[in-house]
């Protein structure tokens, strides 16, 4: 017999790429709890300064936006997401900062960011890379991230590439690891990002985390 939990989890999983409606709202809140460790770690990697202008692509229900805005107290934080529901959820979670004009949230796509050239000191995206790995998506996406990053700025792309099995060993998802090594990292370097590197992050719910970090040189 299929359990209620299995059915519920299956429904939620279908909403993760672009959450909609009530179930989408639930999916967003579940992701906030599930991804807490990676979110806090990613914000730490950004090395946020009080006056930074920061972009999160795929802001979801807005937890990383909230943490980021607390640190960039005299800066500005912009979040975009494909999902109208997630933009509403993120707006509720960051209501005071939105009203104050410190946080701006809108629908948008990574392949055509609604942002000015060289607008941000820091850019982050957490668990979205899986949805734009195809070459016809990833190349425009990386180009856009480079375009809106200021010289001296930093990009942090956080994702999971493996899971800890019952024996305590990490099983790496080879196809995703290959995409990073053959597509994402070389693509970042082709766009002009320097010091591109991978850092190991926390293990959460049995899944390993990594971040791909790149920086834009001063001209």
N, C-alpha and C. Protein backbone atom coordinates (compact mmCIF):
# COMPACT_ATOMS: atom_id res chain seq x y z
N UNK A 1 0.85 -1.20 0.00
CA UNK A 1 0.00 0.00 0.00
C UNK A 1 0.89 1.25 0.00
N UNK A 2 0.54 2.21 -0.83
CA UNK A 2 1.29 3.46 -0.89
C UNK A 2 0.91 4.32 0.31
N UNK A 3 1.89 4.84 1.03
CA UNK A 3 1.61 5.63 2.23
C UNK A 3 1.15 7.03 1.84
N UNK A 4 0.42 7.64 2.76
CA UNK A 4 -0.01 9.03 2.56
C UNK A 4 1.20 9.94 2.42
N UNK A 5 2.24 9.69 3.24
CA UNK A 5 3.45 10.50 3.18
C UNK A 5 4.09 10.41 1.80
N UNK A 6 4.13 9.20 1.21
CA UNK A 6 4.73 9.04 -0.11
C UNK A 6 3.97 9.87 -1.14
N UNK A 7 2.65 9.80 -1.08
CA UNK A 7 1.84 10.57 -2.02
C UNK A 7 2.07 12.06 -1.84
N UNK A 8 2.09 12.50 -0.57
CA UNK A 8 2.29 13.92 -0.26
C UNK A 8 3.65 14.39 -0.76
N UNK A 9 4.70 13.60 -0.50
CA UNK A 9 6.04 13.96 -0.95
C UNK A 9 6.11 14.03 -2.47
N UNK A 10 5.43 13.09 -3.16
CA UNK A 10 5.43 13.08 -4.62
C UNK A 10 4.78 14.34 -5.16
N UNK A 11 3.67 14.75 -4.58
CA UNK A 11 2.99 15.97 -5.00
C UNK A 11 3.88 17.18 -4.79
N UNK A 12 4.53 17.24 -3.61
CA UNK A 12 5.41 18.36 -3.32
C UNK A 12 6.57 18.44 -4.32
N UNK A 13 7.17 17.29 -4.62
CA UNK A 13 8.32 17.26 -5.52
C UNK A 13 7.98 17.83 -6.89
N UNK A 14 6.76 17.60 -7.35
CA UNK A 14 6.34 18.13 -8.65
C UNK A 14 6.28 19.65 -8.64
N UNK A 15 6.15 20.24 -7.44
CA UNK A 15 6.03 21.69 -7.34
C UNK A 15 7.37 22.39 -7.10
N UNK A 16 8.43 21.65 -6.85
CA UNK A 16 9.70 22.29 -6.52
C UNK A 16 10.25 23.19 -7.63
N UNK A 17 10.20 22.79 -8.91
CA UNK A 17 10.76 23.69 -9.93
C UNK A 17 10.02 25.03 -10.03
N UNK A 18 8.67 25.00 -9.89
CA UNK A 18 7.88 26.23 -10.03
C UNK A 18 6.61 26.12 -9.19
N UNK A 19 6.73 26.32 -7.88
CA UNK A 19 5.59 26.11 -6.99
C UNK A 19 4.39 26.98 -7.34
N UNK A 20 3.19 26.38 -7.21
CA UNK A 20 1.95 27.10 -7.52
C UNK A 20 0.91 26.81 -6.45
N UNK A 21 0.06 27.79 -6.19
CA UNK A 21 -1.10 27.60 -5.33
C UNK A 21 -0.76 27.20 -3.91
N UNK A 22 -1.74 26.61 -3.25
CA UNK A 22 -1.59 26.23 -1.85
C UNK A 22 -0.50 25.19 -1.68
N UNK A 23 -0.51 24.17 -2.55
CA UNK A 23 0.54 23.13 -2.46
C UNK A 23 1.90 23.76 -2.73
N UNK A 24 1.95 24.71 -3.63
CA UNK A 24 3.21 25.41 -3.89
C UNK A 24 3.70 26.17 -2.68
N UNK A 25 2.76 26.80 -1.96
CA UNK A 25 3.13 27.49 -0.72
C UNK A 25 3.70 26.51 0.29
N UNK A 26 3.03 25.36 0.43
CA UNK A 26 3.51 24.33 1.36
C UNK A 26 4.91 23.86 0.94
N UNK A 27 5.10 23.63 -0.36
CA UNK A 27 6.42 23.20 -0.86
C UNK A 27 7.49 24.22 -0.51
N UNK A 28 7.15 25.51 -0.64
CA UNK A 28 8.12 26.55 -0.31
C UNK A 28 8.50 26.54 1.15
N UNK A 29 7.52 26.35 2.02
CA UNK A 29 7.81 26.32 3.45
C UNK A 29 8.61 25.06 3.83
N UNK A 30 8.31 23.95 3.17
CA UNK A 30 9.10 22.73 3.39
C UNK A 30 10.55 22.95 2.98
N UNK A 31 10.75 23.61 1.84
CA UNK A 31 12.11 23.86 1.37
C UNK A 31 12.88 24.77 2.33
N UNK A 32 12.20 25.73 2.94
CA UNK A 32 12.87 26.59 3.92
C UNK A 32 13.46 25.74 5.04
N UNK A 33 12.67 24.79 5.56
CA UNK A 33 13.17 23.93 6.64
C UNK A 33 14.23 22.96 6.15
N UNK A 34 13.99 22.34 5.00
CA UNK A 34 14.92 21.33 4.50
C UNK A 34 16.29 21.92 4.15
N UNK A 35 16.31 23.12 3.66
CA UNK A 35 17.55 23.71 3.13
C UNK A 35 18.18 24.73 4.08
N UNK A 36 17.79 24.69 5.35
CA UNK A 36 18.28 25.68 6.29
C UNK A 36 19.81 25.69 6.38
N UNK A 37 20.43 24.51 6.47
CA UNK A 37 21.89 24.45 6.63
C UNK A 37 22.60 25.01 5.41
N UNK A 38 22.17 24.62 4.21
CA UNK A 38 22.81 25.11 2.99
C UNK A 38 22.60 26.61 2.81
N UNK A 39 21.41 27.06 3.20
CA UNK A 39 21.10 28.48 3.06
C UNK A 39 22.01 29.33 3.94
N UNK A 40 22.14 28.97 5.19
CA UNK A 40 23.00 29.73 6.11
C UNK A 40 24.45 29.68 5.65
N UNK A 41 24.88 28.52 5.16
CA UNK A 41 26.27 28.37 4.68
C UNK A 41 26.51 29.24 3.45
N UNK A 42 25.57 29.27 2.53
CA UNK A 42 25.72 30.07 1.32
C UNK A 42 25.82 31.55 1.65
N UNK A 43 24.96 32.02 2.53
CA UNK A 43 25.01 33.43 2.94
C UNK A 43 26.37 33.74 3.57
N UNK A 44 26.90 32.82 4.36
CA UNK A 44 28.24 33.01 4.95
C UNK A 44 29.31 33.14 3.86
N UNK A 45 29.21 32.31 2.82
CA UNK A 45 30.21 32.34 1.74
C UNK A 45 30.21 33.66 0.97
N UNK A 46 29.10 34.36 0.96
CA UNK A 46 29.02 35.62 0.23
C UNK A 46 29.90 36.70 0.86
N UNK A 47 30.21 36.57 2.15
CA UNK A 47 31.00 37.59 2.85
C UNK A 47 30.35 38.96 2.69
N UNK A 48 29.12 39.06 3.13
CA UNK A 48 28.30 40.25 2.91
C UNK A 48 28.81 41.43 3.73
N UNK A 49 28.87 42.59 3.06
CA UNK A 49 29.21 43.84 3.72
C UNK A 49 27.94 44.68 3.88
N UNK A 50 27.90 45.58 4.86
CA UNK A 50 26.65 46.29 5.16
C UNK A 50 26.06 47.06 3.98
N UNK A 51 26.88 47.52 3.04
CA UNK A 51 26.36 48.33 1.93
C UNK A 51 26.23 47.54 0.62
N UNK A 52 26.39 46.23 0.66
CA UNK A 52 26.32 45.42 -0.56
C UNK A 52 24.93 45.44 -1.18
N UNK A 53 24.94 45.34 -2.51
CA UNK A 53 23.72 45.08 -3.27
C UNK A 53 23.79 43.63 -3.73
N UNK A 54 22.76 42.85 -3.42
CA UNK A 54 22.83 41.39 -3.56
C UNK A 54 21.64 40.88 -4.35
N UNK A 55 21.89 39.87 -5.18
CA UNK A 55 20.84 39.21 -5.95
C UNK A 55 20.76 37.74 -5.57
N UNK A 56 19.52 37.26 -5.35
CA UNK A 56 19.31 35.82 -5.27
C UNK A 56 18.42 35.40 -6.42
N UNK A 57 18.90 34.44 -7.20
CA UNK A 57 18.13 33.87 -8.29
C UNK A 57 17.46 32.60 -7.79
N UNK A 58 16.13 32.54 -7.93
CA UNK A 58 15.39 31.42 -7.36
C UNK A 58 15.23 31.60 -5.86
N UNK A 59 14.64 32.72 -5.46
CA UNK A 59 14.62 33.08 -4.04
C UNK A 59 13.64 32.26 -3.23
N UNK A 60 12.76 31.49 -3.88
CA UNK A 60 11.84 30.65 -3.14
C UNK A 60 11.01 31.44 -2.15
N UNK A 61 10.83 30.89 -0.96
CA UNK A 61 10.00 31.53 0.06
C UNK A 61 10.72 32.63 0.83
N UNK A 62 11.96 32.94 0.45
CA UNK A 62 12.60 34.15 0.93
C UNK A 62 13.42 34.07 2.20
N UNK A 63 13.81 32.87 2.62
CA UNK A 63 14.61 32.76 3.84
C UNK A 63 16.02 33.31 3.65
N UNK A 64 16.67 32.99 2.53
CA UNK A 64 18.01 33.53 2.27
C UNK A 64 17.96 35.05 2.10
N UNK A 65 16.89 35.54 1.49
CA UNK A 65 16.70 36.99 1.36
C UNK A 65 16.67 37.63 2.75
N UNK A 66 15.94 37.03 3.65
CA UNK A 66 15.82 37.56 5.01
C UNK A 66 17.18 37.61 5.70
N UNK A 67 17.93 36.52 5.64
CA UNK A 67 19.25 36.47 6.27
C UNK A 67 20.20 37.48 5.64
N UNK A 68 20.12 37.60 4.32
CA UNK A 68 21.00 38.51 3.59
C UNK A 68 20.69 39.96 3.93
N UNK A 69 19.40 40.29 3.97
CA UNK A 69 19.01 41.68 4.27
C UNK A 69 19.44 42.09 5.66
N UNK A 70 19.45 41.16 6.60
CA UNK A 70 19.90 41.48 7.97
C UNK A 70 21.37 41.89 7.98
N UNK A 71 22.17 41.28 7.10
CA UNK A 71 23.60 41.60 7.07
C UNK A 71 23.89 42.82 6.19
N UNK A 72 23.18 42.96 5.08
CA UNK A 72 23.35 44.13 4.21
C UNK A 72 22.41 45.23 4.68
N UNK A 73 22.62 45.69 5.89
CA UNK A 73 21.67 46.59 6.56
C UNK A 73 21.55 47.95 5.89
N UNK A 74 22.58 48.36 5.17
CA UNK A 74 22.53 49.64 4.45
C UNK A 74 22.60 49.43 2.94
N UNK A 75 22.40 48.19 2.52
CA UNK A 75 22.44 47.87 1.10
C UNK A 75 21.05 47.58 0.56
N UNK A 76 21.02 46.78 -0.50
CA UNK A 76 19.75 46.42 -1.11
C UNK A 76 19.82 44.96 -1.56
N UNK A 77 18.72 44.25 -1.41
CA UNK A 77 18.65 42.83 -1.77
C UNK A 77 17.53 42.63 -2.78
N UNK A 78 17.85 41.96 -3.87
CA UNK A 78 16.89 41.69 -4.94
C UNK A 78 16.72 40.18 -5.07
N UNK A 79 15.49 39.74 -5.13
CA UNK A 79 15.21 38.32 -5.34
C UNK A 79 14.29 38.13 -6.53
N UNK A 80 14.59 37.13 -7.36
CA UNK A 80 13.69 36.79 -8.45
C UNK A 80 13.37 35.29 -8.37
N UNK A 81 12.21 34.94 -8.85
CA UNK A 81 11.80 33.54 -8.89
C UNK A 81 10.82 33.36 -10.04
N UNK A 82 10.83 32.17 -10.63
CA UNK A 82 9.87 31.87 -11.70
C UNK A 82 8.44 31.83 -11.19
N UNK A 83 8.29 31.50 -9.93
CA UNK A 83 6.97 31.24 -9.35
C UNK A 83 6.36 32.49 -8.73
N UNK A 84 5.17 32.84 -9.18
CA UNK A 84 4.44 33.95 -8.58
C UNK A 84 4.13 33.66 -7.12
N UNK A 85 3.81 32.39 -6.82
CA UNK A 85 3.52 32.00 -5.45
C UNK A 85 4.72 32.22 -4.54
N UNK A 86 5.92 31.88 -5.02
CA UNK A 86 7.11 32.05 -4.20
C UNK A 86 7.42 33.53 -3.98
N UNK A 87 7.17 34.35 -4.98
CA UNK A 87 7.37 35.79 -4.80
C UNK A 87 6.44 36.32 -3.72
N UNK A 88 5.19 35.84 -3.69
CA UNK A 88 4.26 36.25 -2.65
C UNK A 88 4.73 35.77 -1.27
N UNK A 89 5.19 34.52 -1.20
CA UNK A 89 5.68 33.98 0.08
C UNK A 89 6.89 34.75 0.57
N UNK A 90 7.82 35.03 -0.33
CA UNK A 90 9.03 35.77 0.04
C UNK A 90 8.68 37.19 0.48
N UNK A 91 7.68 37.78 -0.15
CA UNK A 91 7.25 39.13 0.22
C UNK A 91 6.67 39.14 1.64
N UNK A 92 5.88 38.12 1.97
CA UNK A 92 5.33 38.03 3.33
C UNK A 92 6.45 37.84 4.35
N UNK A 93 7.41 37.00 4.04
CA UNK A 93 8.49 36.71 4.99
C UNK A 93 9.38 37.94 5.21
N UNK A 94 9.43 38.83 4.22
CA UNK A 94 10.31 40.00 4.29
C UNK A 94 9.51 41.30 4.22
N UNK A 95 8.30 41.27 4.79
CA UNK A 95 7.38 42.39 4.64
C UNK A 95 7.94 43.74 5.03
N UNK A 96 8.58 43.82 6.19
CA UNK A 96 9.09 45.11 6.66
C UNK A 96 10.20 45.63 5.75
N UNK A 97 11.10 44.74 5.33
CA UNK A 97 12.21 45.17 4.46
C UNK A 97 11.70 45.56 3.07
N UNK A 98 10.66 44.89 2.60
CA UNK A 98 10.05 45.26 1.31
C UNK A 98 9.43 46.66 1.41
N UNK A 99 8.69 46.91 2.48
CA UNK A 99 8.06 48.22 2.66
C UNK A 99 9.09 49.33 2.79
N UNK A 100 10.23 49.00 3.39
CA UNK A 100 11.29 49.99 3.57
C UNK A 100 12.09 50.23 2.30
N UNK A 101 11.89 49.39 1.27
CA UNK A 101 12.62 49.54 0.02
C UNK A 101 13.98 48.88 0.01
N UNK A 102 14.29 48.14 1.09
CA UNK A 102 15.58 47.45 1.14
C UNK A 102 15.55 46.17 0.33
N UNK A 103 14.41 45.51 0.27
CA UNK A 103 14.25 44.26 -0.47
C UNK A 103 13.27 44.47 -1.61
N UNK A 104 13.65 43.98 -2.80
CA UNK A 104 12.79 44.04 -3.98
C UNK A 104 12.64 42.62 -4.52
N UNK A 105 11.41 42.17 -4.76
CA UNK A 105 11.14 40.81 -5.20
C UNK A 105 10.25 40.84 -6.44
N UNK A 106 10.56 39.97 -7.41
CA UNK A 106 9.75 39.93 -8.62
C UNK A 106 9.91 38.59 -9.33
N UNK A 107 9.00 38.31 -10.24
CA UNK A 107 9.14 37.15 -11.10
C UNK A 107 10.21 37.43 -12.14
N UNK A 108 10.94 36.39 -12.51
CA UNK A 108 11.97 36.55 -13.52
C UNK A 108 12.64 35.24 -13.81
N UNK A 109 13.42 35.22 -14.87
CA UNK A 109 14.16 34.03 -15.28
C UNK A 109 15.64 34.32 -15.34
N UNK A 110 16.43 33.34 -15.02
CA UNK A 110 17.88 33.52 -15.01
C UNK A 110 18.44 33.77 -16.41
N UNK A 111 17.73 33.35 -17.43
CA UNK A 111 18.21 33.53 -18.80
C UNK A 111 17.99 34.95 -19.31
N UNK A 112 17.20 35.76 -18.59
CA UNK A 112 16.96 37.15 -18.98
C UNK A 112 16.66 37.94 -17.71
N UNK A 113 17.69 38.21 -16.94
CA UNK A 113 17.51 38.86 -15.64
C UNK A 113 17.01 40.30 -15.81
N UNK A 114 15.99 40.69 -15.06
CA UNK A 114 15.46 42.06 -15.15
C UNK A 114 16.30 43.02 -14.31
N UNK A 115 17.61 43.08 -14.61
CA UNK A 115 18.55 43.84 -13.80
C UNK A 115 19.51 44.61 -14.70
N UNK A 116 20.08 45.67 -14.16
CA UNK A 116 21.03 46.49 -14.89
C UNK A 116 22.40 45.80 -14.95
N UNK A 117 23.21 46.21 -15.90
CA UNK A 117 24.59 45.72 -15.97
C UNK A 117 25.33 46.11 -14.69
N UNK A 118 26.15 45.19 -14.20
CA UNK A 118 27.04 45.44 -13.06
C UNK A 118 26.29 46.08 -11.88
N UNK A 119 25.18 45.48 -11.52
CA UNK A 119 24.33 46.02 -10.45
C UNK A 119 24.66 45.46 -9.07
N UNK A 120 25.28 44.25 -9.01
CA UNK A 120 25.38 43.55 -7.73
C UNK A 120 26.82 43.22 -7.34
N UNK A 121 27.11 43.40 -6.05
CA UNK A 121 28.40 42.93 -5.50
C UNK A 121 28.38 41.43 -5.27
N UNK A 122 27.23 40.87 -4.95
CA UNK A 122 27.13 39.46 -4.61
C UNK A 122 25.89 38.85 -5.28
N UNK A 123 26.05 37.62 -5.77
CA UNK A 123 24.94 36.87 -6.37
C UNK A 123 24.96 35.46 -5.80
N UNK A 124 23.77 34.95 -5.45
CA UNK A 124 23.69 33.57 -5.00
C UNK A 124 22.49 32.88 -5.63
N UNK A 125 22.59 31.57 -5.74
CA UNK A 125 21.45 30.75 -6.12
C UNK A 125 21.62 29.40 -5.44
N UNK A 126 20.55 28.90 -4.84
CA UNK A 126 20.61 27.70 -4.01
C UNK A 126 19.66 26.65 -4.56
N UNK A 127 20.20 25.51 -4.95
CA UNK A 127 19.40 24.39 -5.45
C UNK A 127 18.54 24.75 -6.66
N UNK A 128 19.09 25.56 -7.56
CA UNK A 128 18.38 25.83 -8.82
C UNK A 128 19.14 25.31 -10.04
N UNK A 129 20.40 25.01 -9.85
CA UNK A 129 21.25 24.64 -10.99
C UNK A 129 20.72 23.43 -11.75
N UNK A 130 20.05 22.52 -11.06
CA UNK A 130 19.52 21.32 -11.70
C UNK A 130 18.55 21.66 -12.82
N UNK A 131 17.88 22.80 -12.71
CA UNK A 131 16.82 23.15 -13.65
C UNK A 131 17.32 23.94 -14.86
N UNK A 132 18.61 24.31 -14.89
CA UNK A 132 19.12 25.03 -16.05
C UNK A 132 20.48 24.50 -16.52
N UNK A 133 20.62 23.17 -16.45
CA UNK A 133 21.88 22.54 -16.86
C UNK A 133 21.97 22.31 -18.37
N UNK A 134 20.84 22.32 -19.08
CA UNK A 134 20.92 22.10 -20.52
C UNK A 134 21.77 23.21 -21.16
N UNK A 135 22.61 22.86 -22.15
CA UNK A 135 23.51 23.86 -22.75
C UNK A 135 22.79 25.11 -23.26
N UNK A 136 21.57 24.94 -23.83
CA UNK A 136 20.88 26.11 -24.37
C UNK A 136 20.33 27.01 -23.27
N UNK A 137 20.35 26.53 -22.02
CA UNK A 137 19.92 27.33 -20.88
C UNK A 137 21.12 27.83 -20.08
N UNK A 138 22.07 26.95 -19.82
CA UNK A 138 23.17 27.29 -18.93
C UNK A 138 24.07 28.39 -19.49
N UNK A 139 24.31 28.38 -20.80
CA UNK A 139 25.17 29.42 -21.37
C UNK A 139 24.57 30.82 -21.23
N UNK A 140 23.30 31.03 -21.63
CA UNK A 140 22.70 32.35 -21.38
C UNK A 140 22.62 32.70 -19.90
N UNK A 141 22.37 31.69 -19.05
CA UNK A 141 22.28 31.94 -17.61
C UNK A 141 23.60 32.45 -17.05
N UNK A 142 24.69 31.79 -17.39
CA UNK A 142 26.00 32.22 -16.90
C UNK A 142 26.37 33.59 -17.46
N UNK A 143 26.00 33.83 -18.70
CA UNK A 143 26.27 35.14 -19.32
C UNK A 143 25.53 36.25 -18.57
N UNK A 144 24.28 35.96 -18.20
CA UNK A 144 23.49 36.94 -17.47
C UNK A 144 24.06 37.19 -16.07
N UNK A 145 24.46 36.14 -15.39
CA UNK A 145 25.04 36.31 -14.06
C UNK A 145 26.30 37.17 -14.12
N UNK A 146 27.13 36.93 -15.12
CA UNK A 146 28.34 37.73 -15.28
C UNK A 146 27.99 39.18 -15.60
N UNK A 147 26.99 39.37 -16.44
CA UNK A 147 26.60 40.73 -16.87
C UNK A 147 26.20 41.60 -15.70
N UNK A 148 25.42 41.05 -14.76
CA UNK A 148 24.88 41.88 -13.69
C UNK A 148 25.80 41.96 -12.47
N UNK A 149 26.93 41.24 -12.50
CA UNK A 149 27.88 41.26 -11.39
C UNK A 149 28.87 42.41 -11.54
N UNK A 150 29.09 43.13 -10.46
CA UNK A 150 30.06 44.22 -10.48
C UNK A 150 31.49 43.68 -10.49
N UNK A 151 32.44 44.43 -11.07
CA UNK A 151 33.85 44.04 -10.92
C UNK A 151 34.22 43.93 -9.45
N UNK A 152 34.91 42.85 -9.11
CA UNK A 152 35.24 42.57 -7.72
C UNK A 152 34.16 41.79 -7.00
N UNK A 153 33.05 41.51 -7.71
CA UNK A 153 31.93 40.81 -7.09
C UNK A 153 32.11 39.30 -7.08
N UNK A 154 31.21 38.63 -6.37
CA UNK A 154 31.30 37.18 -6.16
C UNK A 154 29.97 36.51 -6.47
N UNK A 155 30.07 35.33 -7.10
CA UNK A 155 28.91 34.48 -7.36
C UNK A 155 29.07 33.19 -6.57
N UNK A 156 27.99 32.74 -5.93
CA UNK A 156 27.98 31.46 -5.22
C UNK A 156 26.79 30.64 -5.71
N UNK A 157 27.09 29.48 -6.32
CA UNK A 157 26.07 28.56 -6.80
C UNK A 157 26.09 27.33 -5.91
N UNK A 158 25.05 27.13 -5.12
CA UNK A 158 25.02 26.02 -4.16
C UNK A 158 24.09 24.92 -4.65
N UNK A 159 24.54 23.68 -4.50
CA UNK A 159 23.74 22.53 -4.94
C UNK A 159 24.21 21.28 -4.21
N UNK A 160 23.51 20.19 -4.45
CA UNK A 160 23.91 18.90 -3.93
C UNK A 160 24.36 18.02 -5.08
N UNK A 161 25.44 17.30 -4.87
CA UNK A 161 25.94 16.39 -5.91
C UNK A 161 26.04 14.95 -5.43
N UNK A 162 25.47 14.64 -4.26
CA UNK A 162 25.55 13.27 -3.78
C UNK A 162 24.75 13.05 -2.52
N UNK A 163 24.70 11.79 -2.11
CA UNK A 163 23.94 11.40 -0.92
C UNK A 163 24.73 10.38 -0.13
N UNK A 164 24.61 10.42 1.19
CA UNK A 164 25.28 9.47 2.06
C UNK A 164 24.43 8.20 2.14
N UNK A 165 25.04 7.06 1.82
CA UNK A 165 24.27 5.80 1.83
C UNK A 165 24.24 5.18 3.23
N UNK A 166 23.62 4.02 3.33
CA UNK A 166 23.44 3.36 4.63
C UNK A 166 24.77 2.99 5.27
N UNK A 167 25.81 2.84 4.47
CA UNK A 167 27.14 2.50 5.00
C UNK A 167 27.95 3.73 5.38
N UNK A 168 27.35 4.91 5.23
CA UNK A 168 28.05 6.14 5.57
C UNK A 168 28.97 6.64 4.48
N UNK A 169 28.87 6.07 3.27
CA UNK A 169 29.70 6.50 2.14
C UNK A 169 28.92 7.47 1.27
N UNK A 170 29.64 8.42 0.68
CA UNK A 170 29.00 9.40 -0.20
C UNK A 170 28.88 8.82 -1.60
N UNK A 171 27.67 8.73 -2.09
CA UNK A 171 27.42 8.32 -3.47
C UNK A 171 27.25 9.57 -4.32
N UNK A 172 28.24 9.81 -5.17
CA UNK A 172 28.22 11.01 -6.01
C UNK A 172 27.36 10.76 -7.24
N UNK A 173 26.52 11.72 -7.57
CA UNK A 173 25.72 11.62 -8.79
C UNK A 173 26.60 12.03 -9.97
N UNK A 174 27.06 11.02 -10.70
CA UNK A 174 28.08 11.24 -11.72
C UNK A 174 27.65 12.21 -12.81
N UNK A 175 26.39 12.12 -13.23
CA UNK A 175 25.94 12.99 -14.32
C UNK A 175 25.98 14.46 -13.90
N UNK A 176 25.62 14.73 -12.66
CA UNK A 176 25.66 16.10 -12.18
C UNK A 176 27.08 16.58 -11.97
N UNK A 177 27.92 15.72 -11.42
CA UNK A 177 29.32 16.06 -11.25
C UNK A 177 29.99 16.34 -12.59
N UNK A 178 29.67 15.52 -13.60
CA UNK A 178 30.22 15.72 -14.94
C UNK A 178 29.76 17.05 -15.53
N UNK A 179 28.49 17.38 -15.30
CA UNK A 179 27.97 18.65 -15.82
C UNK A 179 28.72 19.84 -15.20
N UNK A 180 29.04 19.73 -13.93
CA UNK A 180 29.82 20.79 -13.29
C UNK A 180 31.20 20.91 -13.91
N UNK A 181 31.87 19.78 -14.06
CA UNK A 181 33.25 19.78 -14.53
C UNK A 181 33.37 20.12 -16.01
N UNK A 182 32.38 19.71 -16.79
CA UNK A 182 32.49 19.86 -18.25
C UNK A 182 31.70 21.05 -18.80
N UNK A 183 30.75 21.54 -18.00
CA UNK A 183 29.84 22.56 -18.52
C UNK A 183 29.84 23.84 -17.67
N UNK A 184 29.57 23.72 -16.39
CA UNK A 184 29.37 24.90 -15.57
C UNK A 184 30.69 25.61 -15.26
N UNK A 185 31.66 24.89 -14.74
CA UNK A 185 32.93 25.54 -14.38
C UNK A 185 33.63 26.11 -15.62
N UNK A 186 33.77 25.34 -16.72
CA UNK A 186 34.36 25.95 -17.93
C UNK A 186 33.53 27.12 -18.45
N UNK A 187 32.20 27.02 -18.34
CA UNK A 187 31.35 28.11 -18.80
C UNK A 187 31.57 29.38 -18.00
N UNK A 188 31.71 29.25 -16.69
CA UNK A 188 31.99 30.41 -15.85
C UNK A 188 33.33 31.03 -16.22
N UNK A 189 34.31 30.19 -16.49
CA UNK A 189 35.63 30.70 -16.86
C UNK A 189 35.59 31.38 -18.23
N UNK A 190 34.83 30.83 -19.17
CA UNK A 190 34.71 31.45 -20.49
C UNK A 190 34.07 32.83 -20.41
N UNK A 191 33.11 32.98 -19.51
CA UNK A 191 32.44 34.28 -19.37
C UNK A 191 33.38 35.32 -18.77
N UNK A 192 34.46 34.88 -18.12
CA UNK A 192 35.42 35.82 -17.56
C UNK A 192 35.55 35.78 -16.05
N UNK A 193 34.83 34.86 -15.38
CA UNK A 193 34.96 34.73 -13.94
C UNK A 193 36.31 34.10 -13.59
N UNK A 194 36.90 34.57 -12.54
CA UNK A 194 38.23 34.11 -12.11
C UNK A 194 38.14 33.38 -10.78
N UNK A 195 39.21 32.66 -10.49
CA UNK A 195 39.29 31.93 -9.22
C UNK A 195 38.07 31.05 -9.02
N UNK A 196 37.63 30.39 -10.09
CA UNK A 196 36.45 29.52 -10.00
C UNK A 196 36.85 28.25 -9.25
N UNK A 197 36.07 27.90 -8.25
CA UNK A 197 36.45 26.79 -7.38
C UNK A 197 35.22 26.15 -6.75
N UNK A 198 35.41 24.94 -6.24
CA UNK A 198 34.35 24.23 -5.53
C UNK A 198 34.73 24.15 -4.06
N UNK A 199 33.76 24.44 -3.20
CA UNK A 199 33.96 24.27 -1.76
C UNK A 199 32.92 23.29 -1.24
N UNK A 200 33.34 22.45 -0.31
CA UNK A 200 32.45 21.47 0.30
C UNK A 200 31.64 22.13 1.41
N UNK A 201 30.36 21.80 1.46
CA UNK A 201 29.48 22.38 2.46
C UNK A 201 28.92 21.35 3.42
N UNK A 202 27.87 21.71 4.12
CA UNK A 202 27.29 20.81 5.13
C UNK A 202 26.54 19.65 4.49
N UNK A 203 26.44 18.57 5.23
CA UNK A 203 25.56 17.46 4.85
C UNK A 203 24.25 17.64 5.59
N UNK A 204 23.16 17.69 4.84
CA UNK A 204 21.85 17.95 5.43
C UNK A 204 20.85 16.90 4.94
N UNK A 205 20.18 16.24 5.85
CA UNK A 205 19.20 15.20 5.54
C UNK A 205 19.83 14.07 4.71
N UNK A 206 21.13 13.88 4.88
CA UNK A 206 21.83 12.83 4.15
C UNK A 206 22.35 13.25 2.80
N UNK A 207 22.13 14.49 2.40
CA UNK A 207 22.61 14.99 1.12
C UNK A 207 23.83 15.89 1.34
N UNK A 208 24.84 15.72 0.50
CA UNK A 208 26.02 16.57 0.58
C UNK A 208 25.75 17.89 -0.15
N UNK A 209 26.47 18.92 0.25
CA UNK A 209 26.34 20.23 -0.39
C UNK A 209 27.70 20.70 -0.89
N UNK A 210 27.69 21.36 -2.02
CA UNK A 210 28.89 22.04 -2.51
C UNK A 210 28.48 23.42 -3.01
N UNK A 211 29.46 24.28 -3.15
CA UNK A 211 29.24 25.59 -3.77
C UNK A 211 30.29 25.80 -4.84
N UNK A 212 29.85 26.28 -5.99
CA UNK A 212 30.76 26.71 -7.04
C UNK A 212 30.86 28.22 -6.92
N UNK A 213 32.08 28.71 -6.71
CA UNK A 213 32.30 30.13 -6.44
C UNK A 213 33.15 30.72 -7.56
N UNK A 214 32.80 31.90 -7.99
CA UNK A 214 33.58 32.61 -8.99
C UNK A 214 33.58 34.10 -8.70
N UNK A 215 34.60 34.80 -9.17
CA UNK A 215 34.72 36.23 -8.92
C UNK A 215 35.03 36.99 -10.21
N UNK A 216 34.55 38.22 -10.27
CA UNK A 216 34.76 39.07 -11.44
C UNK A 216 35.89 40.05 -11.16
N UNK A 217 36.88 40.04 -12.02
CA UNK A 217 38.05 40.89 -11.79
C UNK A 217 37.72 42.36 -11.96
N UNK A 218 38.46 43.18 -11.22
CA UNK A 218 38.41 44.62 -11.45
C UNK A 218 39.06 44.93 -12.79
N UNK A 219 38.51 45.88 -13.47
CA UNK A 219 39.10 46.26 -14.75
C UNK A 219 40.12 47.38 -14.55
